[in-house]
N, C-alpha and C. Protein backbone atom coordinates (compact mmCIF):
# COMPACT_ATOMS: atom_id res chain seq x y z
N MET A 1 9.61 -122.94 19.27
CA MET A 1 9.16 -124.01 20.13
C MET A 1 9.03 -123.53 21.58
N SER A 2 9.99 -122.75 22.04
CA SER A 2 9.99 -122.34 23.44
C SER A 2 9.36 -120.96 23.67
N GLY A 3 9.22 -120.20 22.60
CA GLY A 3 8.68 -118.85 22.76
C GLY A 3 9.76 -117.81 23.01
N TYR A 4 10.98 -118.28 23.28
CA TYR A 4 12.10 -117.36 23.47
C TYR A 4 12.72 -117.02 22.13
N LYS A 5 13.35 -115.88 22.08
CA LYS A 5 14.05 -115.45 20.86
C LYS A 5 15.56 -115.55 21.09
N ARG A 6 16.31 -115.50 20.01
CA ARG A 6 17.78 -115.59 20.11
C ARG A 6 18.33 -114.52 21.04
N ASN A 7 17.75 -113.31 21.02
CA ASN A 7 18.21 -112.24 21.91
C ASN A 7 18.08 -112.64 23.38
N ASP A 8 17.01 -113.38 23.71
CA ASP A 8 16.84 -113.84 25.09
C ASP A 8 18.01 -114.72 25.50
N LEU A 9 18.44 -115.58 24.58
CA LEU A 9 19.58 -116.45 24.84
C LEU A 9 20.87 -115.64 24.93
N ASN A 10 21.08 -114.76 23.97
CA ASN A 10 22.30 -113.94 23.95
C ASN A 10 22.41 -113.04 25.17
N GLU A 11 21.28 -112.56 25.66
CA GLU A 11 21.27 -111.68 26.83
C GLU A 11 21.17 -112.47 28.13
N ARG A 12 21.27 -113.79 28.02
CA ARG A 12 21.25 -114.70 29.18
C ARG A 12 19.97 -114.58 30.01
N LYS A 13 18.85 -114.35 29.32
CA LYS A 13 17.55 -114.28 30.00
C LYS A 13 16.96 -115.67 30.22
N ILE A 14 17.53 -116.66 29.55
CA ILE A 14 17.04 -118.03 29.66
C ILE A 14 17.97 -118.78 30.61
N GLN A 15 17.40 -119.33 31.67
CA GLN A 15 18.17 -120.14 32.59
C GLN A 15 17.61 -121.56 32.56
N TRP A 16 18.53 -122.51 32.46
CA TRP A 16 18.14 -123.92 32.33
C TRP A 16 17.14 -124.31 33.41
N LYS A 17 17.37 -123.88 34.64
CA LYS A 17 16.49 -124.25 35.76
C LYS A 17 15.07 -123.73 35.57
N ASN A 18 14.90 -122.70 34.74
CA ASN A 18 13.57 -122.14 34.51
C ASN A 18 12.81 -122.82 33.38
N ILE A 19 13.52 -123.53 32.50
CA ILE A 19 12.82 -124.19 31.39
C ILE A 19 12.64 -125.68 31.62
N ILE A 20 13.27 -126.24 32.65
CA ILE A 20 13.12 -127.66 32.96
C ILE A 20 12.22 -127.78 34.18
N PRO A 21 11.05 -128.42 34.04
CA PRO A 21 10.18 -128.61 35.20
C PRO A 21 10.88 -129.43 36.28
N PRO A 22 10.58 -129.15 37.55
CA PRO A 22 11.26 -129.82 38.66
C PRO A 22 11.19 -131.35 38.60
N GLU A 23 10.11 -131.88 38.08
CA GLU A 23 9.98 -133.34 38.03
C GLU A 23 10.95 -134.01 37.04
N TYR A 24 11.63 -133.20 36.24
CA TYR A 24 12.62 -133.74 35.30
C TYR A 24 14.06 -133.50 35.77
N ALA A 25 14.25 -132.94 36.95
CA ALA A 25 15.59 -132.62 37.45
C ALA A 25 16.46 -133.87 37.56
N ASP A 26 15.91 -134.94 38.13
CA ASP A 26 16.70 -136.17 38.28
C ASP A 26 17.08 -136.76 36.92
N LEU A 27 16.15 -136.76 35.98
CA LEU A 27 16.42 -137.27 34.64
C LEU A 27 17.53 -136.45 33.98
N ASN A 28 17.47 -135.14 34.13
CA ASN A 28 18.50 -134.28 33.54
C ASN A 28 19.87 -134.53 34.16
N MET A 29 19.93 -134.74 35.45
CA MET A 29 21.20 -135.04 36.10
C MET A 29 21.75 -136.39 35.62
N GLU A 30 20.85 -137.36 35.47
CA GLU A 30 21.25 -138.68 34.96
C GLU A 30 21.83 -138.56 33.55
N LYS A 31 21.18 -137.79 32.70
CA LYS A 31 21.65 -137.64 31.33
C LYS A 31 22.94 -136.81 31.26
N LEU A 32 23.10 -135.86 32.14
CA LEU A 32 24.34 -135.10 32.19
C LEU A 32 25.51 -136.01 32.57
N LYS A 33 25.29 -136.86 33.55
CA LYS A 33 26.32 -137.82 33.95
C LYS A 33 26.63 -138.78 32.80
N GLN A 34 25.59 -139.22 32.10
CA GLN A 34 25.78 -140.11 30.95
C GLN A 34 26.60 -139.41 29.87
N LEU A 35 26.31 -138.15 29.62
CA LEU A 35 27.05 -137.37 28.62
C LEU A 35 28.52 -137.24 29.02
N GLN A 36 28.77 -136.98 30.29
CA GLN A 36 30.15 -136.84 30.76
C GLN A 36 30.91 -138.16 30.66
N ALA A 37 30.21 -139.27 30.92
CA ALA A 37 30.88 -140.58 30.92
C ALA A 37 31.08 -141.16 29.52
N THR A 38 30.13 -140.91 28.62
CA THR A 38 30.17 -141.59 27.32
C THR A 38 30.21 -140.66 26.12
N ASP A 39 30.15 -139.36 26.36
CA ASP A 39 30.14 -138.32 25.30
C ASP A 39 28.84 -138.26 24.51
N VAL A 40 27.83 -139.04 24.92
CA VAL A 40 26.54 -139.01 24.22
C VAL A 40 25.45 -139.48 25.18
N THR A 41 24.24 -138.97 24.99
CA THR A 41 23.11 -139.45 25.79
C THR A 41 22.25 -140.38 24.96
N GLU A 42 21.53 -141.23 25.64
CA GLU A 42 20.48 -141.98 24.96
C GLU A 42 19.37 -140.99 24.64
N LEU A 43 18.53 -141.33 23.70
CA LEU A 43 17.36 -140.53 23.37
C LEU A 43 16.42 -140.54 24.58
N PHE A 44 15.91 -139.36 24.96
CA PHE A 44 14.98 -139.31 26.09
C PHE A 44 13.93 -138.23 25.89
N GLU A 45 12.82 -138.41 26.61
CA GLU A 45 11.71 -137.46 26.54
C GLU A 45 11.60 -136.67 27.83
N GLU A 46 11.21 -135.43 27.70
CA GLU A 46 10.88 -134.60 28.85
C GLU A 46 10.03 -133.44 28.34
N GLU A 47 9.82 -132.44 29.16
CA GLU A 47 9.09 -131.26 28.75
C GLU A 47 9.93 -130.03 29.01
N PHE A 48 9.69 -128.99 28.23
CA PHE A 48 10.27 -127.68 28.48
C PHE A 48 9.14 -126.74 28.87
N VAL A 49 9.44 -125.77 29.71
CA VAL A 49 8.49 -124.72 30.05
C VAL A 49 8.74 -123.58 29.08
N ARG A 50 7.70 -123.21 28.37
CA ARG A 50 7.81 -122.12 27.40
C ARG A 50 7.82 -120.76 28.11
N LYS A 51 8.13 -119.75 27.37
CA LYS A 51 8.18 -118.39 27.90
C LYS A 51 6.82 -118.00 28.50
N ASP A 52 5.72 -118.50 27.90
CA ASP A 52 4.39 -118.17 28.39
C ASP A 52 3.92 -119.12 29.51
N SER A 53 4.83 -119.96 30.01
CA SER A 53 4.59 -120.91 31.11
C SER A 53 3.87 -122.19 30.69
N SER A 54 3.47 -122.31 29.43
CA SER A 54 2.91 -123.57 28.97
C SER A 54 4.06 -124.56 28.80
N ARG A 55 3.73 -125.81 28.57
CA ARG A 55 4.77 -126.83 28.42
C ARG A 55 4.73 -127.44 27.04
N VAL A 56 5.90 -127.89 26.59
CA VAL A 56 6.01 -128.55 25.30
C VAL A 56 6.79 -129.85 25.52
N PRO A 57 6.21 -131.00 25.09
CA PRO A 57 6.95 -132.26 25.20
C PRO A 57 8.03 -132.31 24.14
N VAL A 58 9.23 -132.76 24.53
CA VAL A 58 10.35 -132.80 23.61
C VAL A 58 11.09 -134.13 23.69
N LEU A 59 11.74 -134.45 22.60
CA LEU A 59 12.62 -135.61 22.50
C LEU A 59 14.04 -135.05 22.35
N ILE A 60 14.98 -135.56 23.15
CA ILE A 60 16.33 -134.98 23.19
C ILE A 60 17.40 -136.06 23.07
N ARG A 61 18.48 -135.68 22.42
CA ARG A 61 19.71 -136.47 22.42
C ARG A 61 20.85 -135.47 22.34
N ALA A 62 21.88 -135.68 23.14
CA ALA A 62 23.01 -134.75 23.17
C ALA A 62 24.32 -135.50 22.97
N ALA A 63 25.30 -134.79 22.44
CA ALA A 63 26.64 -135.36 22.24
C ALA A 63 27.67 -134.29 22.53
N ALA A 64 28.77 -134.72 23.14
CA ALA A 64 29.88 -133.80 23.43
C ALA A 64 30.50 -133.34 22.12
N ILE A 65 30.94 -132.11 22.08
CA ILE A 65 31.57 -131.58 20.88
C ILE A 65 33.01 -132.06 20.78
N SER A 66 33.73 -131.99 21.92
CA SER A 66 35.11 -132.47 21.92
C SER A 66 35.55 -132.80 23.34
N LYS A 67 36.53 -133.65 23.45
CA LYS A 67 37.08 -134.02 24.76
C LYS A 67 37.75 -132.82 25.43
N SER A 68 38.29 -131.90 24.65
CA SER A 68 39.00 -130.77 25.23
C SER A 68 38.07 -129.73 25.85
N ASN A 69 36.78 -129.75 25.47
CA ASN A 69 35.78 -128.84 26.04
C ASN A 69 34.62 -129.66 26.59
N PRO A 70 34.79 -130.30 27.75
CA PRO A 70 33.75 -131.21 28.26
C PRO A 70 32.43 -130.54 28.58
N GLY A 71 32.42 -129.23 28.77
CA GLY A 71 31.17 -128.53 29.08
C GLY A 71 30.36 -128.16 27.86
N GLN A 72 30.89 -128.40 26.68
CA GLN A 72 30.18 -128.02 25.46
C GLN A 72 29.60 -129.25 24.79
N CYS A 73 28.37 -129.11 24.35
CA CYS A 73 27.74 -130.22 23.63
C CYS A 73 26.79 -129.67 22.59
N VAL A 74 26.35 -130.54 21.73
CA VAL A 74 25.32 -130.21 20.75
C VAL A 74 24.14 -131.11 21.08
N ALA A 75 22.94 -130.55 20.96
CA ALA A 75 21.75 -131.33 21.30
C ALA A 75 20.73 -131.27 20.18
N TYR A 76 20.07 -132.39 19.98
CA TYR A 76 18.95 -132.49 19.04
C TYR A 76 17.70 -132.45 19.91
N ILE A 77 16.85 -131.47 19.69
CA ILE A 77 15.63 -131.31 20.48
C ILE A 77 14.46 -131.20 19.51
N MET A 78 13.52 -132.12 19.63
CA MET A 78 12.39 -132.15 18.71
C MET A 78 11.07 -132.01 19.48
N ASP A 79 10.21 -131.12 19.02
CA ASP A 79 8.88 -130.95 19.58
C ASP A 79 8.05 -132.18 19.20
N ILE A 80 7.53 -132.89 20.21
CA ILE A 80 6.74 -134.11 19.95
C ILE A 80 5.28 -133.94 20.39
N THR A 81 4.79 -132.71 20.35
CA THR A 81 3.41 -132.42 20.76
C THR A 81 2.42 -133.24 19.95
N GLU A 82 2.58 -133.24 18.64
CA GLU A 82 1.64 -133.96 17.77
C GLU A 82 1.63 -135.45 18.10
N ARG A 83 2.81 -136.03 18.30
CA ARG A 83 2.90 -137.45 18.63
C ARG A 83 2.20 -137.75 19.95
N LYS A 84 2.38 -136.90 20.95
CA LYS A 84 1.75 -137.11 22.25
C LYS A 84 0.23 -137.01 22.15
N GLU A 85 -0.26 -136.09 21.35
CA GLU A 85 -1.70 -135.96 21.15
C GLU A 85 -2.26 -137.19 20.45
N THR A 86 -1.55 -137.71 19.47
CA THR A 86 -1.97 -138.93 18.77
C THR A 86 -1.98 -140.12 19.73
N GLU A 87 -0.98 -140.23 20.58
CA GLU A 87 -0.94 -141.32 21.57
C GLU A 87 -2.15 -141.27 22.49
N LYS A 88 -2.55 -140.07 22.93
CA LYS A 88 -3.72 -139.91 23.78
C LYS A 88 -4.99 -140.38 23.06
N LYS A 89 -5.12 -140.01 21.78
CA LYS A 89 -6.30 -140.42 21.00
C LYS A 89 -6.35 -141.94 20.86
N ILE A 90 -5.21 -142.56 20.62
CA ILE A 90 -5.15 -144.03 20.47
C ILE A 90 -5.56 -144.69 21.79
N LEU A 91 -5.08 -144.17 22.90
CA LEU A 91 -5.44 -144.73 24.20
C LEU A 91 -6.93 -144.63 24.46
N LEU A 92 -7.52 -143.51 24.06
CA LEU A 92 -8.97 -143.33 24.23
C LEU A 92 -9.76 -144.32 23.37
N LEU A 93 -9.26 -144.59 22.17
CA LEU A 93 -9.94 -145.52 21.28
C LEU A 93 -9.85 -146.96 21.79
N ASN A 94 -8.76 -147.27 22.44
CA ASN A 94 -8.58 -148.63 22.96
C ASN A 94 -9.34 -148.79 24.24
């Protein structure tokens, strides 16, 4: 989905600030605060910047793994490119 490989992650070549477009910074901070306060985020949409600089729309939900490790979480991230393209077509038809 992102164009990065596991080695990129293991070698710390991926930095969160580089894959989140600036216009989503406030949303990410809001969801981080929500995660810290409630151990789970609401479902939300944003985009990721791929390795080739293109963007991919994604749907995300995150949950804390445990209270003893507040910095660790698990996230569900789904590519919603097809859905976004379908929405555009429907808007054009209407």
